[in-house]
N, C-alpha and C. Protein backbone atom coordinates (compact mmCIF):
# COMPACT_ATOMS: atom_id res chain seq x y z
N MET A 1 -9.49 -7.78 15.35
CA MET A 1 -8.89 -6.90 14.37
C MET A 1 -10.01 -6.17 13.62
N LYS A 2 -9.76 -4.91 13.37
CA LYS A 2 -10.75 -4.08 12.71
C LYS A 2 -10.06 -3.29 11.60
N THR A 3 -10.70 -3.18 10.43
CA THR A 3 -10.13 -2.39 9.34
C THR A 3 -10.85 -1.05 9.24
N ARG A 4 -10.10 -0.09 8.77
CA ARG A 4 -10.67 1.24 8.54
C ARG A 4 -9.97 1.89 7.36
N GLU A 5 -10.75 2.51 6.48
CA GLU A 5 -10.21 3.23 5.34
C GLU A 5 -9.87 4.64 5.79
N LEU A 6 -8.64 5.05 5.55
CA LEU A 6 -8.18 6.39 5.91
C LEU A 6 -8.18 7.25 4.65
N THR A 7 -8.76 8.45 4.76
CA THR A 7 -8.89 9.30 3.58
C THR A 7 -8.28 10.69 3.76
N THR A 8 -7.82 11.01 4.98
CA THR A 8 -7.25 12.34 5.20
C THR A 8 -5.77 12.23 5.58
N VAL A 9 -5.05 13.29 5.29
CA VAL A 9 -3.63 13.36 5.64
C VAL A 9 -3.46 13.19 7.14
N ALA A 10 -4.29 13.85 7.94
CA ALA A 10 -4.18 13.79 9.40
C ALA A 10 -4.29 12.35 9.91
N GLU A 11 -5.24 11.59 9.38
CA GLU A 11 -5.39 10.18 9.80
C GLU A 11 -4.15 9.37 9.44
N MET A 12 -3.63 9.59 8.25
CA MET A 12 -2.49 8.82 7.76
C MET A 12 -1.21 9.15 8.51
N LEU A 13 -1.06 10.40 8.90
CA LEU A 13 0.15 10.80 9.63
C LEU A 13 0.31 10.05 10.95
N ASN A 14 -0.79 9.62 11.53
CA ASN A 14 -0.74 8.87 12.79
C ASN A 14 0.01 7.55 12.65
N ASN A 15 0.19 7.07 11.43
CA ASN A 15 0.81 5.76 11.21
C ASN A 15 2.27 5.85 10.74
N ILE A 16 2.91 6.96 11.01
CA ILE A 16 4.28 7.12 10.53
C ILE A 16 5.23 6.07 11.11
N GLU A 17 5.03 5.67 12.36
CA GLU A 17 5.94 4.66 12.94
C GLU A 17 5.84 3.33 12.20
N LEU A 18 4.66 2.98 11.77
CA LEU A 18 4.48 1.76 10.98
C LEU A 18 5.17 1.91 9.62
N MET A 19 5.06 3.08 9.00
CA MET A 19 5.73 3.34 7.72
C MET A 19 7.24 3.19 7.86
N ARG A 20 7.76 3.51 9.01
CA ARG A 20 9.22 3.44 9.21
C ARG A 20 9.75 2.02 9.23
N PHE A 21 8.88 1.01 9.31
CA PHE A 21 9.35 -0.37 9.16
C PHE A 21 9.79 -0.60 7.71
N LEU A 22 9.20 0.12 6.78
CA LEU A 22 9.57 0.02 5.37
C LEU A 22 10.61 1.08 4.99
N TYR A 23 10.44 2.28 5.55
CA TYR A 23 11.35 3.41 5.26
C TYR A 23 11.90 3.95 6.58
N PRO A 24 12.95 3.35 7.12
CA PRO A 24 13.46 3.70 8.47
C PRO A 24 13.82 5.17 8.67
N SER A 25 14.27 5.85 7.65
CA SER A 25 14.68 7.25 7.83
C SER A 25 13.60 8.25 7.42
N PHE A 26 12.39 7.79 7.24
CA PHE A 26 11.27 8.64 6.83
C PHE A 26 11.02 9.71 7.88
N THR A 27 11.08 10.97 7.48
CA THR A 27 10.77 12.05 8.42
C THR A 27 9.28 12.37 8.36
N PHE A 28 8.79 12.94 9.43
CA PHE A 28 7.40 13.36 9.49
C PHE A 28 7.11 14.36 8.38
N GLU A 29 8.04 15.29 8.18
CA GLU A 29 7.86 16.35 7.18
C GLU A 29 7.77 15.77 5.76
N LYS A 30 8.62 14.81 5.46
CA LYS A 30 8.61 14.20 4.13
C LYS A 30 7.31 13.41 3.92
N TYR A 31 6.92 12.64 4.92
CA TYR A 31 5.68 11.86 4.84
C TYR A 31 4.48 12.79 4.63
N GLU A 32 4.43 13.86 5.40
CA GLU A 32 3.33 14.81 5.28
C GLU A 32 3.30 15.46 3.88
N ALA A 33 4.47 15.86 3.39
CA ALA A 33 4.53 16.49 2.07
C ALA A 33 4.07 15.53 0.97
N TYR A 34 4.51 14.27 1.05
CA TYR A 34 4.10 13.28 0.05
C TYR A 34 2.59 13.05 0.12
N LEU A 35 2.06 12.91 1.34
CA LEU A 35 0.62 12.68 1.49
C LEU A 35 -0.20 13.85 0.96
N LYS A 36 0.28 15.07 1.21
CA LYS A 36 -0.44 16.25 0.71
C LYS A 36 -0.47 16.28 -0.82
N ASP A 37 0.52 15.68 -1.43
CA ASP A 37 0.56 15.59 -2.89
C ASP A 37 -0.31 14.43 -3.39
N MET A 38 -0.35 13.33 -2.64
CA MET A 38 -1.01 12.11 -3.09
C MET A 38 -2.52 12.09 -2.83
N VAL A 39 -2.96 12.55 -1.67
CA VAL A 39 -4.37 12.46 -1.29
C VAL A 39 -5.30 13.13 -2.31
N PRO A 40 -4.96 14.31 -2.84
CA PRO A 40 -5.84 14.90 -3.85
C PRO A 40 -5.95 14.08 -5.14
N HIS A 41 -5.07 13.10 -5.31
CA HIS A 41 -5.08 12.24 -6.49
C HIS A 41 -5.65 10.86 -6.17
N ASN A 42 -6.59 10.83 -5.23
CA ASN A 42 -7.35 9.63 -4.91
C ASN A 42 -6.59 8.61 -4.09
N TYR A 43 -5.51 9.00 -3.43
CA TYR A 43 -4.76 8.08 -2.56
C TYR A 43 -5.50 7.90 -1.24
N LYS A 44 -5.61 6.65 -0.81
CA LYS A 44 -6.22 6.30 0.48
C LYS A 44 -5.34 5.26 1.14
N GLN A 45 -5.62 4.99 2.40
CA GLN A 45 -4.94 3.90 3.09
C GLN A 45 -5.98 3.00 3.74
N LEU A 46 -5.65 1.74 3.79
CA LEU A 46 -6.42 0.77 4.55
C LEU A 46 -5.58 0.42 5.77
N ALA A 47 -6.14 0.61 6.95
CA ALA A 47 -5.41 0.33 8.18
C ALA A 47 -6.12 -0.78 8.95
N VAL A 48 -5.32 -1.63 9.60
CA VAL A 48 -5.85 -2.68 10.46
C VAL A 48 -5.45 -2.33 11.88
N TYR A 49 -6.45 -2.34 12.77
CA TYR A 49 -6.24 -1.96 14.17
C TYR A 49 -6.49 -3.13 15.10
N GLU A 50 -5.64 -3.21 16.10
CA GLU A 50 -5.86 -4.13 17.22
C GLU A 50 -5.87 -3.27 18.48
N ASN A 51 -7.00 -3.24 19.17
CA ASN A 51 -7.14 -2.41 20.38
C ASN A 51 -6.75 -0.96 20.09
N ASP A 52 -7.25 -0.41 19.01
CA ASP A 52 -7.02 0.98 18.60
C ASP A 52 -5.58 1.31 18.24
N ILE A 53 -4.75 0.29 18.04
CA ILE A 53 -3.36 0.49 17.61
C ILE A 53 -3.23 -0.06 16.19
N CYS A 54 -2.72 0.77 15.29
CA CYS A 54 -2.55 0.35 13.89
C CYS A 54 -1.40 -0.65 13.81
N VAL A 55 -1.71 -1.85 13.31
CA VAL A 55 -0.71 -2.91 13.22
C VAL A 55 -0.40 -3.31 11.77
N ALA A 56 -1.18 -2.77 10.82
CA ALA A 56 -0.94 -3.03 9.40
C ALA A 56 -1.56 -1.90 8.60
N VAL A 57 -0.93 -1.59 7.48
CA VAL A 57 -1.45 -0.52 6.63
C VAL A 57 -0.99 -0.74 5.19
N THR A 58 -1.83 -0.36 4.27
CA THR A 58 -1.43 -0.32 2.87
C THR A 58 -2.08 0.88 2.23
N GLY A 59 -1.36 1.50 1.33
CA GLY A 59 -1.93 2.58 0.54
C GLY A 59 -2.54 1.99 -0.71
N PHE A 60 -3.48 2.72 -1.30
CA PHE A 60 -4.04 2.29 -2.57
C PHE A 60 -4.69 3.48 -3.26
N TRP A 61 -4.75 3.40 -4.57
CA TRP A 61 -5.44 4.41 -5.35
C TRP A 61 -6.01 3.81 -6.60
N THR A 62 -7.03 4.46 -7.09
CA THR A 62 -7.72 4.02 -8.29
C THR A 62 -7.36 4.97 -9.43
N ALA A 63 -7.11 4.40 -10.58
CA ALA A 63 -6.78 5.22 -11.75
C ALA A 63 -7.19 4.45 -13.00
N THR A 64 -6.87 5.01 -14.15
CA THR A 64 -7.21 4.40 -15.44
C THR A 64 -6.00 4.47 -16.35
N LYS A 65 -5.74 3.38 -17.05
CA LYS A 65 -4.70 3.33 -18.08
C LYS A 65 -5.35 2.86 -19.37
N LEU A 66 -4.76 3.24 -20.48
CA LEU A 66 -5.32 2.87 -21.78
C LEU A 66 -5.37 1.36 -21.98
N TRP A 67 -4.33 0.64 -21.55
CA TRP A 67 -4.28 -0.80 -21.83
C TRP A 67 -5.15 -1.62 -20.89
N SER A 68 -5.48 -1.05 -19.72
CA SER A 68 -6.18 -1.87 -18.73
C SER A 68 -7.54 -1.32 -18.32
N GLY A 69 -7.78 -0.07 -18.61
CA GLY A 69 -8.99 0.55 -18.07
C GLY A 69 -8.77 0.89 -16.60
N ARG A 70 -9.83 0.89 -15.84
CA ARG A 70 -9.79 1.26 -14.42
C ARG A 70 -9.10 0.15 -13.61
N TYR A 71 -8.26 0.55 -12.66
CA TYR A 71 -7.54 -0.40 -11.82
C TYR A 71 -7.30 0.20 -10.44
N ILE A 72 -6.98 -0.66 -9.48
CA ILE A 72 -6.50 -0.21 -8.16
C ILE A 72 -5.04 -0.60 -8.06
N GLU A 73 -4.23 0.32 -7.56
CA GLU A 73 -2.82 0.03 -7.29
C GLU A 73 -2.60 0.01 -5.80
N ILE A 74 -2.02 -1.08 -5.32
CA ILE A 74 -1.62 -1.20 -3.92
C ILE A 74 -0.23 -0.59 -3.80
N ASP A 75 -0.01 0.18 -2.74
CA ASP A 75 1.25 0.89 -2.56
C ASP A 75 1.68 0.80 -1.10
N ASN A 76 2.89 0.30 -0.83
CA ASN A 76 3.45 0.24 0.53
C ASN A 76 2.60 -0.62 1.47
N PHE A 77 2.76 -1.91 1.32
CA PHE A 77 2.02 -2.91 2.09
C PHE A 77 2.86 -3.27 3.32
N ILE A 78 2.41 -2.88 4.52
CA ILE A 78 3.23 -3.04 5.73
C ILE A 78 2.43 -3.71 6.84
N VAL A 79 3.02 -4.76 7.42
CA VAL A 79 2.46 -5.39 8.61
C VAL A 79 3.54 -5.32 9.69
N HIS A 80 3.18 -4.83 10.86
CA HIS A 80 4.14 -4.74 11.97
C HIS A 80 4.76 -6.12 12.19
N PRO A 81 6.08 -6.20 12.36
CA PRO A 81 6.75 -7.50 12.52
C PRO A 81 6.15 -8.38 13.62
N ASP A 82 5.65 -7.78 14.69
CA ASP A 82 5.07 -8.57 15.78
C ASP A 82 3.70 -9.15 15.43
N HIS A 83 3.15 -8.75 14.29
CA HIS A 83 1.80 -9.18 13.92
C HIS A 83 1.77 -9.92 12.58
N ARG A 84 2.93 -10.33 12.10
CA ARG A 84 2.97 -11.08 10.84
C ARG A 84 2.52 -12.52 11.07
N SER A 85 2.07 -13.15 10.02
CA SER A 85 1.56 -14.53 10.05
C SER A 85 0.29 -14.66 10.88
N LYS A 86 -0.48 -13.60 10.96
CA LYS A 86 -1.77 -13.62 11.66
C LYS A 86 -2.94 -13.43 10.70
N GLY A 87 -2.64 -13.41 9.40
CA GLY A 87 -3.70 -13.24 8.41
C GLY A 87 -4.05 -11.80 8.08
N LEU A 88 -3.28 -10.84 8.59
CA LEU A 88 -3.59 -9.44 8.33
C LEU A 88 -3.37 -9.06 6.87
N GLY A 89 -2.33 -9.61 6.26
CA GLY A 89 -2.08 -9.33 4.86
C GLY A 89 -3.23 -9.82 3.99
N LYS A 90 -3.70 -11.02 4.26
CA LYS A 90 -4.84 -11.56 3.52
C LYS A 90 -6.09 -10.72 3.76
N MET A 91 -6.26 -10.27 4.99
CA MET A 91 -7.40 -9.41 5.31
C MET A 91 -7.37 -8.16 4.44
N MET A 92 -6.17 -7.58 4.28
CA MET A 92 -6.05 -6.36 3.47
C MET A 92 -6.24 -6.64 1.99
N THR A 93 -5.65 -7.74 1.46
CA THR A 93 -5.84 -8.01 0.03
C THR A 93 -7.29 -8.38 -0.26
N ASP A 94 -7.96 -9.07 0.65
CA ASP A 94 -9.38 -9.38 0.46
C ASP A 94 -10.21 -8.10 0.41
N TYR A 95 -9.90 -7.15 1.26
CA TYR A 95 -10.60 -5.86 1.27
C TYR A 95 -10.40 -5.14 -0.07
N ILE A 96 -9.16 -5.11 -0.54
CA ILE A 96 -8.85 -4.44 -1.81
C ILE A 96 -9.56 -5.16 -2.97
N ASP A 97 -9.64 -6.49 -2.92
CA ASP A 97 -10.36 -7.24 -3.96
C ASP A 97 -11.81 -6.77 -4.06
N VAL A 98 -12.48 -6.67 -2.91
CA VAL A 98 -13.87 -6.24 -2.87
C VAL A 98 -13.99 -4.80 -3.39
N LYS A 99 -13.09 -3.95 -2.93
CA LYS A 99 -13.08 -2.54 -3.34
C LYS A 99 -12.92 -2.42 -4.86
N ALA A 100 -12.02 -3.19 -5.43
CA ALA A 100 -11.77 -3.15 -6.88
C ALA A 100 -13.03 -3.55 -7.65
N LYS A 101 -13.72 -4.56 -7.18
CA LYS A 101 -14.95 -5.00 -7.85
C LYS A 101 -16.04 -3.94 -7.72
N GLU A 102 -16.16 -3.36 -6.53
CA GLU A 102 -17.16 -2.31 -6.31
C GLU A 102 -16.93 -1.10 -7.22
N GLU A 103 -15.66 -0.79 -7.48
CA GLU A 103 -15.32 0.38 -8.28
C GLU A 103 -15.18 0.08 -9.77
N GLY A 104 -15.54 -1.14 -10.18
CA GLY A 104 -15.53 -1.49 -11.59
C GLY A 104 -14.14 -1.62 -12.19
N CYS A 105 -13.17 -2.03 -11.38
CA CYS A 105 -11.79 -2.16 -11.86
C CYS A 105 -11.60 -3.47 -12.63
N SER A 106 -10.71 -3.45 -13.59
CA SER A 106 -10.38 -4.65 -14.34
C SER A 106 -9.26 -5.45 -13.68
N MET A 107 -8.50 -4.79 -12.80
CA MET A 107 -7.39 -5.49 -12.14
C MET A 107 -6.87 -4.71 -10.94
N ILE A 108 -6.04 -5.40 -10.18
CA ILE A 108 -5.31 -4.80 -9.06
C ILE A 108 -3.83 -4.97 -9.39
N VAL A 109 -3.05 -3.91 -9.21
CA VAL A 109 -1.62 -3.97 -9.52
C VAL A 109 -0.81 -3.55 -8.29
N LEU A 110 0.45 -3.95 -8.27
CA LEU A 110 1.36 -3.55 -7.21
C LEU A 110 2.79 -3.76 -7.66
N ASP A 111 3.71 -3.13 -6.97
CA ASP A 111 5.13 -3.34 -7.19
C ASP A 111 5.71 -4.02 -5.95
N ALA A 112 6.65 -4.93 -6.16
CA ALA A 112 7.40 -5.53 -5.07
C ALA A 112 8.86 -5.53 -5.50
N PHE A 113 9.72 -5.08 -4.61
CA PHE A 113 11.14 -5.03 -4.96
C PHE A 113 11.63 -6.42 -5.37
N THR A 114 12.54 -6.47 -6.32
CA THR A 114 12.98 -7.74 -6.90
C THR A 114 13.56 -8.71 -5.87
N GLY A 115 14.19 -8.20 -4.84
CA GLY A 115 14.80 -9.07 -3.83
C GLY A 115 13.89 -9.42 -2.66
N ASN A 116 12.66 -8.96 -2.66
CA ASN A 116 11.75 -9.19 -1.54
C ASN A 116 10.96 -10.49 -1.77
N PHE A 117 11.64 -11.62 -1.57
CA PHE A 117 11.05 -12.91 -1.88
C PHE A 117 9.90 -13.28 -0.95
N THR A 118 9.92 -12.78 0.27
CA THR A 118 8.81 -13.02 1.19
C THR A 118 7.53 -12.39 0.64
N ALA A 119 7.65 -11.16 0.14
CA ALA A 119 6.49 -10.49 -0.46
C ALA A 119 6.04 -11.22 -1.73
N HIS A 120 6.98 -11.66 -2.54
CA HIS A 120 6.63 -12.37 -3.77
C HIS A 120 5.79 -13.60 -3.44
N ARG A 121 6.25 -14.38 -2.47
CA ARG A 121 5.53 -15.60 -2.08
C ARG A 121 4.12 -15.25 -1.59
N PHE A 122 4.02 -14.21 -0.76
CA PHE A 122 2.71 -13.79 -0.26
C PHE A 122 1.79 -13.41 -1.42
N TYR A 123 2.27 -12.58 -2.34
CA TYR A 123 1.43 -12.13 -3.44
C TYR A 123 1.04 -13.28 -4.38
N TYR A 124 1.97 -14.18 -4.65
CA TYR A 124 1.61 -15.36 -5.45
C TYR A 124 0.47 -16.13 -4.77
N ASN A 125 0.57 -16.31 -3.46
CA ASN A 125 -0.46 -17.03 -2.71
C ASN A 125 -1.80 -16.32 -2.71
N GLN A 126 -1.80 -15.02 -2.97
CA GLN A 126 -3.04 -14.25 -3.02
C GLN A 126 -3.59 -14.15 -4.45
N GLY A 127 -2.94 -14.82 -5.41
CA GLY A 127 -3.44 -14.83 -6.79
C GLY A 127 -2.81 -13.80 -7.71
N TYR A 128 -1.80 -13.09 -7.25
CA TYR A 128 -1.10 -12.12 -8.08
C TYR A 128 0.03 -12.81 -8.84
N GLY A 129 0.36 -12.27 -10.00
CA GLY A 129 1.47 -12.79 -10.77
C GLY A 129 2.09 -11.68 -11.59
N PRO A 130 3.36 -11.83 -11.95
CA PRO A 130 4.02 -10.78 -12.74
C PRO A 130 3.47 -10.72 -14.16
N LYS A 131 3.27 -9.52 -14.63
CA LYS A 131 2.78 -9.30 -15.99
C LYS A 131 3.86 -8.65 -16.86
N GLY A 132 4.81 -7.99 -16.22
CA GLY A 132 5.85 -7.30 -16.96
C GLY A 132 6.92 -6.81 -16.00
N PHE A 133 7.71 -5.88 -16.45
CA PHE A 133 8.76 -5.28 -15.64
C PHE A 133 8.40 -3.84 -15.36
N HIS A 134 8.70 -3.38 -14.17
CA HIS A 134 8.54 -1.97 -13.84
C HIS A 134 9.94 -1.36 -13.92
N PHE A 135 10.23 -0.70 -15.01
CA PHE A 135 11.55 -0.10 -15.21
C PHE A 135 11.63 1.23 -14.49
N VAL A 136 12.79 1.51 -13.93
CA VAL A 136 13.00 2.73 -13.16
C VAL A 136 14.31 3.38 -13.60
N LYS A 137 14.25 4.68 -13.79
CA LYS A 137 15.46 5.46 -14.05
C LYS A 137 15.52 6.51 -12.94
N ILE A 138 16.48 6.36 -12.03
CA ILE A 138 16.62 7.27 -10.89
C ILE A 138 17.20 8.61 -11.38
N ILE A 139 16.50 9.68 -11.10
CA ILE A 139 16.92 11.03 -11.48
C ILE A 139 17.54 11.74 -10.29
N ASN A 140 17.02 11.49 -9.09
CA ASN A 140 17.48 12.18 -7.89
C ASN A 140 17.44 11.22 -6.70
N GLU A 141 18.58 10.67 -6.35
CA GLU A 141 18.69 9.70 -5.23
C GLU A 141 18.19 10.30 -3.92
N ASP A 142 18.38 11.60 -3.72
CA ASP A 142 17.98 12.24 -2.47
C ASP A 142 16.46 12.27 -2.29
N GLY A 143 15.73 12.16 -3.37
CA GLY A 143 14.28 12.17 -3.29
C GLY A 143 13.68 10.83 -2.91
N LEU A 144 14.50 9.79 -2.87
CA LEU A 144 13.99 8.46 -2.55
C LEU A 144 13.83 8.27 -1.05
N SER A 145 12.86 7.45 -0.69
CA SER A 145 12.65 7.11 0.73
C SER A 145 13.38 5.84 1.00
């Protein structure tokens, strides 16, 4: 297994089929439009490859908040179902841990849907814990993936 940091829209678009495990109806056009909006704001992806095939990917970006200072946010953590329980998730969180330290971050943050207990267990095992609630007010259902 080999990891690679993806920094361009073109590189990220190659992984749309993997993204569809999380967002089954994701269109190429929507993914491309979102990436074109996100990449200029420091969005990157970490991809894990087996024999040149992407089998896991997570997005991440670095930003600053008043209460926390500099942080990395993990976004859309996906491991292909055929490659789960092989340590790929830990490989990705370990990479992000190192990246956060290198970039002088005070913490790593992420969101996990309330009903995704498998993800909760994984994140607890990696040293993450809930700090608060992420409140959401949906304005446009059609804009959701």
